[in-house]
Amino acid sequence: NLWHLSHEGLDLEDPANEPKYDEILEMGVSPEKAPDAPTYVTLS
């Protein structure tokens, strides 16, 4: 929905498995793939 995206099942059913972030992410990127420069935001 507009708030989030959840992923369950398959390889994620085993807590020992690291999530395949680069394969499953849809709303953004992993921290490693994020820009090297910061983004500033101001919320009112």
PDB file of all heavy atoms in Angstrom:
ATOM      1  N   ASN A   1       0.856  -1.177   0.000  1.00  0.00           N
ATOM      2  CA  ASN A   1       0.000   0.000   0.000  1.00  0.00           C
ATOM      3  C   ASN A   1       0.897   1.232   0.000  1.00  0.00           C
ATOM      4  O   ASN A   1       2.118   1.107  -0.126  1.00  0.00           O
ATOM      5  CB  ASN A   1      -0.982  -0.021   1.180  1.00  0.00           C
ATOM      6  CG  ASN A   1      -0.294  -0.128   2.540  1.00  0.00           C
ATOM      7  OD1 ASN A   1       0.660   0.591   2.826  1.00  0.00           O
ATOM      8  ND2 ASN A   1      -0.777  -1.041   3.382  1.00  0.00           N
ATOM      9  N   LEU A   2       0.317   2.408   0.129  1.00  0.00           N
ATOM     10  CA  LEU A   2       1.144   3.611   0.027  1.00  0.00           C
ATOM     11  C   LEU A   2       2.075   3.790   1.221  1.00  0.00           C
ATOM     12  O   LEU A   2       2.996   4.614   1.186  1.00  0.00           O
ATOM     13  CB  LEU A   2       0.282   4.865  -0.177  1.00  0.00           C
ATOM     14  CG  LEU A   2      -0.748   5.278   0.872  1.00  0.00           C
ATOM     15  CD1 LEU A   2      -0.128   5.929   2.081  1.00  0.00           C
ATOM     16  CD2 LEU A   2      -1.744   6.242   0.226  1.00  0.00           C
ATOM     17  N   TRP A   3       1.869   3.023   2.282  1.00  0.00           N
ATOM     18  CA  TRP A   3       2.703   3.123   3.473  1.00  0.00           C
ATOM     19  C   TRP A   3       3.879   2.169   3.432  1.00  0.00           C
ATOM     20  O   TRP A   3       4.973   2.511   3.882  1.00  0.00           O
ATOM     21  CB  TRP A   3       1.848   2.846   4.711  1.00  0.00           C
ATOM     22  CG  TRP A   3       2.514   3.020   6.036  1.00  0.00           C
ATOM     23  CD1 TRP A   3       2.853   2.035   6.926  1.00  0.00           C
ATOM     24  CD2 TRP A   3       2.909   4.246   6.659  1.00  0.00           C
ATOM     25  NE1 TRP A   3       3.419   2.565   8.060  1.00  0.00           N
ATOM     26  CE2 TRP A   3       3.463   3.938   7.924  1.00  0.00           C
ATOM     27  CE3 TRP A   3       2.842   5.585   6.276  1.00  0.00           C
ATOM     28  CZ2 TRP A   3       3.953   4.913   8.796  1.00  0.00           C
ATOM     29  CZ3 TRP A   3       3.320   6.564   7.144  1.00  0.00           C
ATOM     30  CH2 TRP A   3       3.867   6.214   8.383  1.00  0.00           C
ATOM     31  N   HIS A   4       3.664   0.958   2.894  1.00  0.00           N
ATOM     32  CA  HIS A   4       4.738  -0.042   2.968  1.00  0.00           C
ATOM     33  C   HIS A   4       4.574  -1.134   1.927  1.00  0.00           C
ATOM     34  O   HIS A   4       3.578  -1.198   1.207  1.00  0.00           O
ATOM     35  CB  HIS A   4       4.783  -0.643   4.370  1.00  0.00           C
ATOM     36  CG  HIS A   4       3.914  -1.850   4.547  1.00  0.00           C
ATOM     37  ND1 HIS A   4       4.167  -2.817   5.496  1.00  0.00           N
ATOM     38  CD2 HIS A   4       2.781  -2.282   3.914  1.00  0.00           C
ATOM     39  CE1 HIS A   4       3.258  -3.753   5.447  1.00  0.00           C
ATOM     40  NE2 HIS A   4       2.412  -3.473   4.495  1.00  0.00           N
ATOM     41  N   LEU A   5       5.569  -2.009   1.901  1.00  0.00           N
ATOM     42  CA  LEU A   5       5.510  -3.255   1.138  1.00  0.00           C
ATOM     43  C   LEU A   5       6.131  -4.345   1.998  1.00  0.00           C
ATOM     44  O   LEU A   5       7.249  -4.191   2.496  1.00  0.00           O
ATOM     45  CB  LEU A   5       6.264  -3.129  -0.181  1.00  0.00           C
ATOM     46  CG  LEU A   5       6.448  -4.420  -1.010  1.00  0.00           C
ATOM     47  CD1 LEU A   5       5.104  -5.001  -1.403  1.00  0.00           C
ATOM     48  CD2 LEU A   5       7.303  -4.149  -2.243  1.00  0.00           C
ATOM     49  N   SER A   6       5.392  -5.437   2.186  1.00  0.00           N
ATOM     50  CA  SER A   6       5.913  -6.562   2.969  1.00  0.00           C
ATOM     51  C   SER A   6       6.250  -7.727   2.053  1.00  0.00           C
ATOM     52  O   SER A   6       5.636  -7.912   0.999  1.00  0.00           O
ATOM     53  CB  SER A   6       4.883  -7.009   4.014  1.00  0.00           C
ATOM     54  OG  SER A   6       3.715  -7.532   3.384  1.00  0.00           O
ATOM     55  N   HIS A   7       7.255  -8.505   2.474  1.00  0.00           N
ATOM     56  CA  HIS A   7       7.684  -9.701   1.738  1.00  0.00           C
ATOM     57  C   HIS A   7       7.751 -10.859   2.733  1.00  0.00           C
ATOM     58  O   HIS A   7       8.418 -10.749   3.776  1.00  0.00           O
ATOM     59  CB  HIS A   7       9.076  -9.519   1.135  1.00  0.00           C
ATOM     60  CG  HIS A   7       9.243  -8.278   0.318  1.00  0.00           C
ATOM     61  ND1 HIS A   7       9.122  -8.261  -1.054  1.00  0.00           N
ATOM     62  CD2 HIS A   7       9.543  -7.001   0.685  1.00  0.00           C
ATOM     63  CE1 HIS A   7       9.346  -7.038  -1.505  1.00  0.00           C
ATOM     64  NE2 HIS A   7       9.598  -6.246  -0.462  1.00  0.00           N
ATOM     65  N   GLU A   8       7.090 -11.973   2.407  1.00  0.00           N
ATOM     66  CA  GLU A   8       7.148 -13.174   3.242  1.00  0.00           C
ATOM     67  C   GLU A   8       7.224 -14.406   2.351  1.00  0.00           C
ATOM     68  O   GLU A   8       6.873 -14.364   1.174  1.00  0.00           O
ATOM     69  CB  GLU A   8       5.913 -13.265   4.152  1.00  0.00           C
ATOM     70  CG  GLU A   8       5.800 -12.158   5.183  1.00  0.00           C
ATOM     71  CD  GLU A   8       4.535 -12.267   6.009  1.00  0.00           C
ATOM     72  OE1 GLU A   8       3.450 -12.442   5.405  1.00  0.00           O
ATOM     73  OE2 GLU A   8       4.623 -12.174   7.245  1.00  0.00           O
ATOM     74  N   GLY A   9       7.680 -15.507   2.934  1.00  0.00           N
ATOM     75  CA  GLY A   9       7.694 -16.779   2.219  1.00  0.00           C
ATOM     76  C   GLY A   9       9.016 -17.087   1.538  1.00  0.00           C
ATOM     77  O   GLY A   9      10.007 -16.362   1.656  1.00  0.00           O
ATOM     78  N   LEU A  10       9.017 -18.221   0.800  1.00  0.00           N
ATOM     79  CA  LEU A  10      10.194 -18.722   0.075  1.00  0.00           C
ATOM     80  C   LEU A  10      11.430 -18.742   0.972  1.00  0.00           C
ATOM     81  O   LEU A  10      11.384 -19.244   2.089  1.00  0.00           O
ATOM     82  CB  LEU A  10      10.416 -17.896  -1.194  1.00  0.00           C
ATOM     83  CG  LEU A  10       9.284 -17.952  -2.241  1.00  0.00           C
ATOM     84  CD1 LEU A  10       9.633 -17.093  -3.449  1.00  0.00           C
ATOM     85  CD2 LEU A  10       8.987 -19.369  -2.659  1.00  0.00           C
ATOM     86  N   ASP A  11      12.550 -18.174   0.525  1.00  0.00           N
ATOM     87  CA  ASP A  11      13.791 -18.232   1.293  1.00  0.00           C
ATOM     88  C   ASP A  11      13.709 -17.447   2.597  1.00  0.00           C
ATOM     89  O   ASP A  11      14.491 -17.693   3.531  1.00  0.00           O
ATOM     90  CB  ASP A  11      14.957 -17.709   0.462  1.00  0.00           C
ATOM     91  CG  ASP A  11      14.707 -16.307  -0.071  1.00  0.00           C
ATOM     92  OD1 ASP A  11      13.714 -16.118  -0.797  1.00  0.00           O
ATOM     93  OD2 ASP A  11      15.501 -15.399   0.233  1.00  0.00           O
ATOM     94  N   LEU A  12      12.753 -16.515   2.702  1.00  0.00           N
ATOM     95  CA  LEU A  12      12.634 -15.710   3.921  1.00  0.00           C
ATOM     96  C   LEU A  12      12.054 -16.520   5.086  1.00  0.00           C
ATOM     97  O   LEU A  12      12.119 -16.074   6.231  1.00  0.00           O
ATOM     98  CB  LEU A  12      11.746 -14.485   3.664  1.00  0.00           C
ATOM     99  CG  LEU A  12      12.279 -13.481   2.639  1.00  0.00           C
ATOM    100  CD1 LEU A  12      11.281 -12.350   2.441  1.00  0.00           C
ATOM    101  CD2 LEU A  12      13.633 -12.934   3.075  1.00  0.00           C
ATOM    102  N   GLU A  13      11.499 -17.691   4.806  1.00  0.00           N
ATOM    103  CA  GLU A  13      10.946 -18.501   5.886  1.00  0.00           C
ATOM    104  C   GLU A  13      12.028 -19.052   6.804  1.00  0.00           C
ATOM    105  O   GLU A  13      11.736 -19.469   7.923  1.00  0.00           O
ATOM    106  CB  GLU A  13      10.088 -19.627   5.315  1.00  0.00           C
ATOM    107  CG  GLU A  13       8.805 -19.108   4.678  1.00  0.00           C
ATOM    108  CD  GLU A  13       7.881 -20.218   4.225  1.00  0.00           C
ATOM    109  OE1 GLU A  13       8.340 -21.380   4.153  1.00  0.00           O
ATOM    110  OE2 GLU A  13       6.702 -19.937   3.943  1.00  0.00           O
ATOM    111  N   ASP A  14      13.262 -19.047   6.343  1.00  0.00           N
ATOM    112  CA  ASP A  14      14.388 -19.469   7.184  1.00  0.00           C
ATOM    113  C   ASP A  14      15.094 -18.212   7.703  1.00  0.00           C
ATOM    114  O   ASP A  14      15.728 -17.490   6.928  1.00  0.00           O
ATOM    115  CB  ASP A  14      15.364 -20.319   6.379  1.00  0.00           C
ATOM    116  CG  ASP A  14      16.509 -20.871   7.236  1.00  0.00           C
ATOM    117  OD1 ASP A  14      16.645 -20.440   8.407  1.00  0.00           O
ATOM    118  OD2 ASP A  14      17.266 -21.717   6.725  1.00  0.00           O
ATOM    119  N   PRO A  15      15.019 -17.925   9.002  1.00  0.00           N
ATOM    120  CA  PRO A  15      15.643 -16.707   9.538  1.00  0.00           C
ATOM    121  C   PRO A  15      17.156 -16.661   9.356  1.00  0.00           C
ATOM    122  O   PRO A  15      17.762 -15.593   9.505  1.00  0.00           O
ATOM    123  CB  PRO A  15      15.282 -16.754  11.031  1.00  0.00           C
ATOM    124  CG  PRO A  15      14.092 -17.639  11.126  1.00  0.00           C
ATOM    125  CD  PRO A  15      14.277 -18.668  10.046  1.00  0.00           C
ATOM    126  N   ALA A  16      17.764 -17.792   9.021  1.00  0.00           N
ATOM    127  CA  ALA A  16      19.212 -17.810   8.800  1.00  0.00           C
ATOM    128  C   ALA A  16      19.599 -17.187   7.466  1.00  0.00           C
ATOM    129  O   ALA A  16      20.764 -16.842   7.251  1.00  0.00           O
ATOM    130  CB  ALA A  16      19.736 -19.243   8.866  1.00  0.00           C
ATOM    131  N   ASN A  17      18.623 -17.021   6.564  1.00  0.00           N
ATOM    132  CA  ASN A  17      18.921 -16.501   5.230  1.00  0.00           C
ATOM    133  C   ASN A  17      18.885 -14.980   5.210  1.00  0.00           C
ATOM    134  O   ASN A  17      17.909 -14.367   5.661  1.00  0.00           O
ATOM    135  CB  ASN A  17      17.908 -17.027   4.208  1.00  0.00           C
ATOM    136  CG  ASN A  17      18.056 -18.511   3.967  1.00  0.00           C
ATOM    137  OD1 ASN A  17      19.142 -19.070   4.114  1.00  0.00           O
ATOM    138  ND2 ASN A  17      16.960 -19.160   3.603  1.00  0.00           N
ATOM    139  N   GLU A  18      19.925 -14.382   4.694  1.00  0.00           N
ATOM    140  CA  GLU A  18      19.916 -12.939   4.484  1.00  0.00           C
ATOM    141  C   GLU A  18      18.970 -12.609   3.333  1.00  0.00           C
ATOM    142  O   GLU A  18      18.990 -13.271   2.293  1.00  0.00           O
ATOM    143  CB  GLU A  18      21.318 -12.433   4.156  1.00  0.00           C
ATOM    144  CG  GLU A  18      21.386 -10.929   3.919  1.00  0.00           C
ATOM    145  CD  GLU A  18      22.792 -10.449   3.579  1.00  0.00           C
ATOM    146  OE1 GLU A  18      23.697 -11.303   3.445  1.00  0.00           O
ATOM    147  OE2 GLU A  18      22.978  -9.226   3.441  1.00  0.00           O
ATOM    148  N   PRO A  19      18.123 -11.594   3.490  1.00  0.00           N
ATOM    149  CA  PRO A  19      17.227 -11.229   2.393  1.00  0.00           C
ATOM    150  C   PRO A  19      18.004 -10.812   1.143  1.00  0.00           C
ATOM    151  O   PRO A  19      19.055 -10.170   1.237  1.00  0.00           O
ATOM    152  CB  PRO A  19      16.444 -10.038   2.958  1.00  0.00           C
ATOM    153  CG  PRO A  19      16.540 -10.185   4.443  1.00  0.00           C
ATOM    154  CD  PRO A  19      17.886 -10.783   4.700  1.00  0.00           C
ATOM    155  N   LYS A  20      17.474 -11.178  -0.014  1.00  0.00           N
ATOM    156  CA  LYS A  20      18.087 -10.794  -1.285  1.00  0.00           C
ATOM    157  C   LYS A  20      17.556  -9.417  -1.682  1.00  0.00           C
ATOM    158  O   LYS A  20      16.742  -9.274  -2.592  1.00  0.00           O
ATOM    159  CB  LYS A  20      17.766 -11.836  -2.349  1.00  0.00           C
ATOM    160  CG  LYS A  20      18.262 -13.237  -2.000  1.00  0.00           C
ATOM    161  CD  LYS A  20      17.750 -14.272  -3.001  1.00  0.00           C
ATOM    162  CE  LYS A  20      18.161 -15.682  -2.594  1.00  0.00           C
ATOM    163  NZ  LYS A  20      17.587 -16.707  -3.512  1.00  0.00           N
ATOM    164  N   TYR A  21      18.039  -8.404  -0.962  1.00  0.00           N
ATOM    165  CA  TYR A  21      17.472  -7.068  -1.104  1.00  0.00           C
ATOM    166  C   TYR A  21      17.496  -6.572  -2.546  1.00  0.00           C
ATOM    167  O   TYR A  21      16.531  -5.965  -3.025  1.00  0.00           O
ATOM    168  CB  TYR A  21      18.210  -6.078  -0.201  1.00  0.00           C
ATOM    169  CG  TYR A  21      17.886  -6.239   1.265  1.00  0.00           C
ATOM    170  CD1 TYR A  21      18.873  -6.599   2.179  1.00  0.00           C
ATOM    171  CD2 TYR A  21      16.596  -6.038   1.735  1.00  0.00           C
ATOM    172  CE1 TYR A  21      18.578  -6.748   3.523  1.00  0.00           C
ATOM    173  CE2 TYR A  21      16.285  -6.188   3.074  1.00  0.00           C
ATOM    174  CZ  TYR A  21      17.281  -6.536   3.975  1.00  0.00           C
ATOM    175  OH  TYR A  21      16.975  -6.690   5.295  1.00  0.00           O
ATOM    176  N   ASP A  22      18.577  -6.798  -3.238  1.00  0.00           N
ATOM    177  CA  ASP A  22      18.685  -6.278  -4.600  1.00  0.00           C
ATOM    178  C   ASP A  22      17.691  -6.934  -5.553  1.00  0.00           C
ATOM    179  O   ASP A  22      17.409  -6.403  -6.631  1.00  0.00           O
ATOM    180  CB  ASP A  22      20.111  -6.449  -5.127  1.00  0.00           C
ATOM    181  CG  ASP A  22      21.107  -5.560  -4.394  1.00  0.00           C
ATOM    182  OD1 ASP A  22      20.678  -4.525  -3.841  1.00  0.00           O
ATOM    183  OD2 ASP A  22      22.306  -5.903  -4.350  1.00  0.00           O
ATOM    184  N   GLU A  23      17.145  -8.083  -5.149  1.00  0.00           N
ATOM    185  CA  GLU A  23      16.166  -8.774  -5.990  1.00  0.00           C
ATOM    186  C   GLU A  23      14.732  -8.443  -5.598  1.00  0.00           C
ATOM    187  O   GLU A  23      13.846  -8.405  -6.462  1.00  0.00           O
ATOM    188  CB  GLU A  23      16.374 -10.294  -5.901  1.00  0.00           C
ATOM    189  CG  GLU A  23      17.704 -10.765  -6.459  1.00  0.00           C
ATOM    190  CD  GLU A  23      17.864 -12.278  -6.346  1.00  0.00           C
ATOM    191  OE1 GLU A  23      16.833 -12.973  -6.154  1.00  0.00           O
ATOM    192  OE2 GLU A  23      19.008 -12.769  -6.452  1.00  0.00           O
ATOM    193  N   ILE A  24      14.477  -8.183  -4.316  1.00  0.00           N
ATOM    194  CA  ILE A  24      13.085  -8.061  -3.873  1.00  0.00           C
ATOM    195  C   ILE A  24      12.613  -6.629  -3.669  1.00  0.00           C
ATOM    196  O   ILE A  24      11.406  -6.366  -3.694  1.00  0.00           O
ATOM    197  CB  ILE A  24      12.841  -8.872  -2.575  1.00  0.00           C
ATOM    198  CG1 ILE A  24      13.615  -8.275  -1.389  1.00  0.00           C
ATOM    199  CG2 ILE A  24      13.197 -10.332  -2.785  1.00  0.00           C
ATOM    200  CD1 ILE A  24      13.290  -8.953  -0.054  1.00  0.00           C
ATOM    201  N   LEU A  25      13.518  -5.682  -3.450  1.00  0.00           N
ATOM    202  CA  LEU A  25      13.081  -4.325  -3.114  1.00  0.00           C
ATOM    203  C   LEU A  25      12.362  -3.665  -4.288  1.00  0.00           C
ATOM    204  O   LEU A  25      12.787  -3.754  -5.436  1.00  0.00           O
ATOM    205  CB  LEU A  25      14.270  -3.460  -2.683  1.00  0.00           C
ATOM    206  CG  LEU A  25      14.981  -3.871  -1.396  1.00  0.00           C
ATOM    207  CD1 LEU A  25      16.085  -2.879  -1.062  1.00  0.00           C
ATOM    208  CD2 LEU A  25      13.996  -3.985  -0.238  1.00  0.00           C
ATOM    209  N   GLU A  26      11.260  -2.984  -3.963  1.00  0.00           N
ATOM    210  CA  GLU A  26      10.475  -2.287  -4.979  1.00  0.00           C
ATOM    211  C   GLU A  26      10.296  -0.800  -4.667  1.00  0.00           C
ATOM    212  O   GLU A  26      10.121   0.006  -5.574  1.00  0.00           O
ATOM    213  CB  GLU A  26       9.089  -2.934  -5.109  1.00  0.00           C
ATOM    214  CG  GLU A  26       9.118  -4.380  -5.583  1.00  0.00           C
ATOM    215  CD  GLU A  26       7.731  -4.987  -5.685  1.00  0.00           C
ATOM    216  OE1 GLU A  26       6.757  -4.216  -5.862  1.00  0.00           O
ATOM    217  OE2 GLU A  26       7.614  -6.223  -5.573  1.00  0.00           O
ATOM    218  N   MET A  27      10.330  -0.438  -3.388  1.00  0.00           N
ATOM    219  CA  MET A  27      10.094   0.958  -3.012  1.00  0.00           C
ATOM    220  C   MET A  27      11.383   1.767  -2.891  1.00  0.00           C
ATOM    221  O   MET A  27      11.332   2.988  -2.702  1.00  0.00           O
ATOM    222  CB  MET A  27       9.326   1.023  -1.686  1.00  0.00           C
ATOM    223  CG  MET A  27       7.942   0.420  -1.754  1.00  0.00           C
ATOM    224  SD  MET A  27       7.022   0.558  -0.201  1.00  0.00           S
ATOM    225  CE  MET A  27       6.632   2.320  -0.180  1.00  0.00           C
ATOM    226  N   GLY A  28      12.514   1.097  -2.986  1.00  0.00           N
ATOM    227  CA  GLY A  28      13.775   1.810  -2.865  1.00  0.00           C
ATOM    228  C   GLY A  28      14.946   0.896  -3.107  1.00  0.00           C
ATOM    229  O   GLY A  28      14.819  -0.169  -3.732  1.00  0.00           O
ATOM    230  N   VAL A  29      16.093   1.302  -2.601  1.00  0.00           N
ATOM    231  CA  VAL A  29      17.333   0.540  -2.785  1.00  0.00           C
ATOM    232  C   VAL A  29      17.898   0.164  -1.423  1.00  0.00           C
ATOM    233  O   VAL A  29      17.509   0.708  -0.389  1.00  0.00           O
ATOM    234  CB  VAL A  29      18.379   1.358  -3.567  1.00  0.00           C
ATOM    235  CG1 VAL A  29      17.860   1.703  -4.952  1.00  0.00           C
ATOM    236  CG2 VAL A  29      18.763   2.633  -2.803  1.00  0.00           C
ATOM    237  N   SER A  30      18.836  -0.762  -1.430  1.00  0.00           N
ATOM    238  CA  SER A  30      19.535  -1.102  -0.202  1.00  0.00           C
ATOM    239  C   SER A  30      20.469   0.048   0.170  1.00  0.00           C
ATOM    240  O   SER A  30      20.849   0.855  -0.690  1.00  0.00           O
ATOM    241  CB  SER A  30      20.342  -2.382  -0.399  1.00  0.00           C
ATOM    242  OG  SER A  30      21.355  -2.177  -1.372  1.00  0.00           O
ATOM    243  N   PRO A  31      20.853   0.162   1.441  1.00  0.00           N
ATOM    244  CA  PRO A  31      21.777   1.244   1.829  1.00  0.00           C
ATOM    245  C   PRO A  31      23.061   1.258   1.011  1.00  0.00           C
ATOM    246  O   PRO A  31      23.600   2.326   0.712  1.00  0.00           O
ATOM    247  CB  PRO A  31      22.046   0.941   3.307  1.00  0.00           C
ATOM    248  CG  PRO A  31      20.802   0.266   3.784  1.00  0.00           C
ATOM    249  CD  PRO A  31      20.362  -0.575   2.615  1.00  0.00           C
ATOM    250  N   GLU A  32      23.541   0.075   0.638  1.00  0.00           N
ATOM    251  CA  GLU A  32      24.780   0.010  -0.146  1.00  0.00           C
ATOM    252  C   GLU A  32      24.626   0.666  -1.517  1.00  0.00           C
ATOM    253  O   GLU A  32      25.591   1.187  -2.086  1.00  0.00           O
ATOM    254  CB  GLU A  32      25.221  -1.448  -0.335  1.00  0.00           C
ATOM    255  CG  GLU A  32      25.626  -2.158   0.944  1.00  0.00           C
ATOM    256  CD  GLU A  32      24.453  -2.844   1.631  1.00  0.00           C
ATOM    257  OE1 GLU A  32      23.288  -2.502   1.325  1.00  0.00           O
ATOM    258  OE2 GLU A  32      24.698  -3.728   2.471  1.00  0.00           O
ATOM    259  N   LYS A  33      23.407   0.616  -2.064  1.00  0.00           N
ATOM    260  CA  LYS A  33      23.167   1.175  -3.396  1.00  0.00           C
ATOM    261  C   LYS A  33      22.714   2.640  -3.341  1.00  0.00           C
ATOM    262  O   LYS A  33      22.482   3.255  -4.387  1.00  0.00           O
ATOM    263  CB  LYS A  33      22.097   0.348  -4.109  1.00  0.00           C
ATOM    264  CG  LYS A  33      22.496  -1.099  -4.390  1.00  0.00           C
ATOM    265  CD  LYS A  33      23.595  -1.179  -5.435  1.00  0.00           C
ATOM    266  CE  LYS A  33      23.994  -2.625  -5.739  1.00  0.00           C
ATOM    267  NZ  LYS A  33      22.931  -3.383  -6.401  1.00  0.00           N
ATOM    268  N   ALA A  34      22.571   3.189  -2.137  1.00  0.00           N
ATOM    269  CA  ALA A  34      22.116   4.574  -1.987  1.00  0.00           C
ATOM    270  C   ALA A  34      23.222   5.548  -2.386  1.00  0.00           C
ATOM    271  O   ALA A  34      24.406   5.191  -2.390  1.00  0.00           O
ATOM    272  CB  ALA A  34      21.683   4.829  -0.549  1.00  0.00           C
ATOM    273  N   PRO A  35      22.861   6.790  -2.721  1.00  0.00           N
ATOM    274  CA  PRO A  35      23.868   7.776  -3.139  1.00  0.00           C
ATOM    275  C   PRO A  35      24.908   8.043  -2.056  1.00  0.00           C
ATOM    276  O   PRO A  35      24.655   7.855  -0.860  1.00  0.00           O
ATOM    277  CB  PRO A  35      23.033   9.032  -3.406  1.00  0.00           C
ATOM    278  CG  PRO A  35      21.645   8.547  -3.623  1.00  0.00           C
ATOM    279  CD  PRO A  35      21.493   7.323  -2.779  1.00  0.00           C
ATOM    280  N   ASP A  36      26.076   8.502  -2.486  1.00  0.00           N
ATOM    281  CA  ASP A  36      27.150   8.827  -1.555  1.00  0.00           C
ATOM    282  C   ASP A  36      26.961  10.206  -0.919  1.00  0.00           C
ATOM    283  O   ASP A  36      27.693  10.555   0.017  1.00  0.00           O
ATOM    284  CB  ASP A  36      28.502   8.783  -2.270  1.00  0.00           C
ATOM    285  CG  ASP A  36      28.869   7.370  -2.699  1.00  0.00           C
ATOM    286  OD1 ASP A  36      28.430   6.420  -2.028  1.00  0.00           O
ATOM    287  OD2 ASP A  36      29.577   7.220  -3.712  1.00  0.00           O
ATOM    288  N   ALA A  37      26.025  10.991  -1.424  1.00  0.00           N
ATOM    289  CA  ALA A  37      25.747  12.322  -0.865  1.00  0.00           C
ATOM    290  C   ALA A  37      24.425  12.284  -0.101  1.00  0.00           C
ATOM    291  O   ALA A  37      23.483  11.604  -0.522  1.00  0.00           O
ATOM    292  CB  ALA A  37      25.677  13.358  -1.972  1.00  0.00           C
ATOM    293  N   PRO A  38      24.324  13.004   1.027  1.00  0.00           N
ATOM    294  CA  PRO A  38      23.088  12.991   1.821  1.00  0.00           C
ATOM    295  C   PRO A  38      21.973  13.806   1.174  1.00  0.00           C
ATOM    296  O   PRO A  38      22.224  14.674   0.335  1.00  0.00           O
ATOM    297  CB  PRO A  38      23.515  13.617   3.150  1.00  0.00           C
ATOM    298  CG  PRO A  38      24.640  14.523   2.782  1.00  0.00           C
ATOM    299  CD  PRO A  38      25.366  13.836   1.667  1.00  0.00           C
ATOM    300  N   THR A  39      20.743  13.515   1.580  1.00  0.00           N
ATOM    301  CA  THR A  39      19.572  14.294   1.186  1.00  0.00           C
ATOM    302  C   THR A  39      18.957  14.895   2.449  1.00  0.00           C
ATOM    303  O   THR A  39      18.725  14.184   3.431  1.00  0.00           O
ATOM    304  CB  THR A  39      18.527  13.406   0.489  1.00  0.00           C
ATOM    305  OG1 THR A  39      19.088  12.847  -0.697  1.00  0.00           O
ATOM    306  CG2 THR A  39      17.280  14.206   0.132  1.00  0.00           C
ATOM    307  N   TYR A  40      18.686  16.192   2.423  1.00  0.00           N
ATOM    308  CA  TYR A  40      18.064  16.865   3.564  1.00  0.00           C
ATOM    309  C   TYR A  40      16.568  17.034   3.314  1.00  0.00           C
ATOM    310  O   TYR A  40      16.140  17.356   2.199  1.00  0.00           O
ATOM    311  CB  TYR A  40      18.695  18.238   3.798  1.00  0.00           C
ATOM    312  CG  TYR A  40      20.064  18.184   4.448  1.00  0.00           C
ATOM    313  CD1 TYR A  40      21.211  18.077   3.665  1.00  0.00           C
ATOM    314  CD2 TYR A  40      20.202  18.227   5.831  1.00  0.00           C
ATOM    315  CE1 TYR A  40      22.474  18.013   4.246  1.00  0.00           C
ATOM    316  CE2 TYR A  40      21.456  18.177   6.427  1.00  0.00           C
ATOM    317  CZ  TYR A  40      22.582  18.067   5.627  1.00  0.00           C
ATOM    318  OH  TYR A  40      23.829  18.009   6.215  1.00  0.00           O
ATOM    319  N   VAL A  41      15.777  16.783   4.352  1.00  0.00           N
ATOM    320  CA  VAL A  41      14.336  17.014   4.276  1.00  0.00           C
ATOM    321  C   VAL A  41      13.896  17.794   5.506  1.00  0.00           C
ATOM    322  O   VAL A  41      14.460  17.632   6.594  1.00  0.00           O
ATOM    323  CB  VAL A  41      13.530  15.697   4.187  1.00  0.00           C
ATOM    324  CG1 VAL A  41      13.870  14.938   2.918  1.00  0.00           C
ATOM    325  CG2 VAL A  41      13.748  14.825   5.407  1.00  0.00           C
ATOM    326  N   THR A  42      12.890  18.657   5.323  1.00  0.00           N
ATOM    327  CA  THR A  42      12.300  19.394   6.440  1.00  0.00           C
ATOM    328  C   THR A  42      10.808  19.102   6.473  1.00  0.00           C
ATOM    329  O   THR A  42      10.102  19.306   5.481  1.00  0.00           O
ATOM    330  CB  THR A  42      12.529  20.910   6.298  1.00  0.00           C
ATOM    331  OG1 THR A  42      13.929  21.171   6.275  1.00  0.00           O
ATOM    332  CG2 THR A  42      11.904  21.658   7.468  1.00  0.00           C
ATOM    333  N   LEU A  43      10.339  18.601   7.605  1.00  0.00           N
ATOM    334  CA  LEU A  43       8.922  18.279   7.789  1.00  0.00           C
ATOM    335  C   LEU A  43       8.288  19.271   8.756  1.00  0.00           C
ATOM    336  O   LEU A  43       8.861  19.582   9.809  1.00  0.00           O
ATOM    337  CB  LEU A  43       8.761  16.855   8.324  1.00  0.00           C
ATOM    338  CG  LEU A  43       8.882  15.744   7.285  1.00  0.00           C
ATOM    339  CD1 LEU A  43       9.210  14.419   7.945  1.00  0.00           C
ATOM    340  CD2 LEU A  43       7.587  15.629   6.480  1.00  0.00           C
ATOM    341  N   SER A  44       7.104  19.748   8.386  1.00  0.00           N
ATOM    342  CA  SER A  44       6.350  20.665   9.242  1.00  0.00           C
ATOM    343  C   SER A  44       5.146  19.939   9.817  1.00  0.00           C
ATOM    344  O   SER A  44       4.439  19.221   9.098  1.00  0.00           O
ATOM    345  CB  SER A  44       5.884  21.888   8.441  1.00  0.00           C
ATOM    346  OG  SER A  44       6.980  22.545   7.839  1.00  0.00           O
TER     347      SER A  44
END
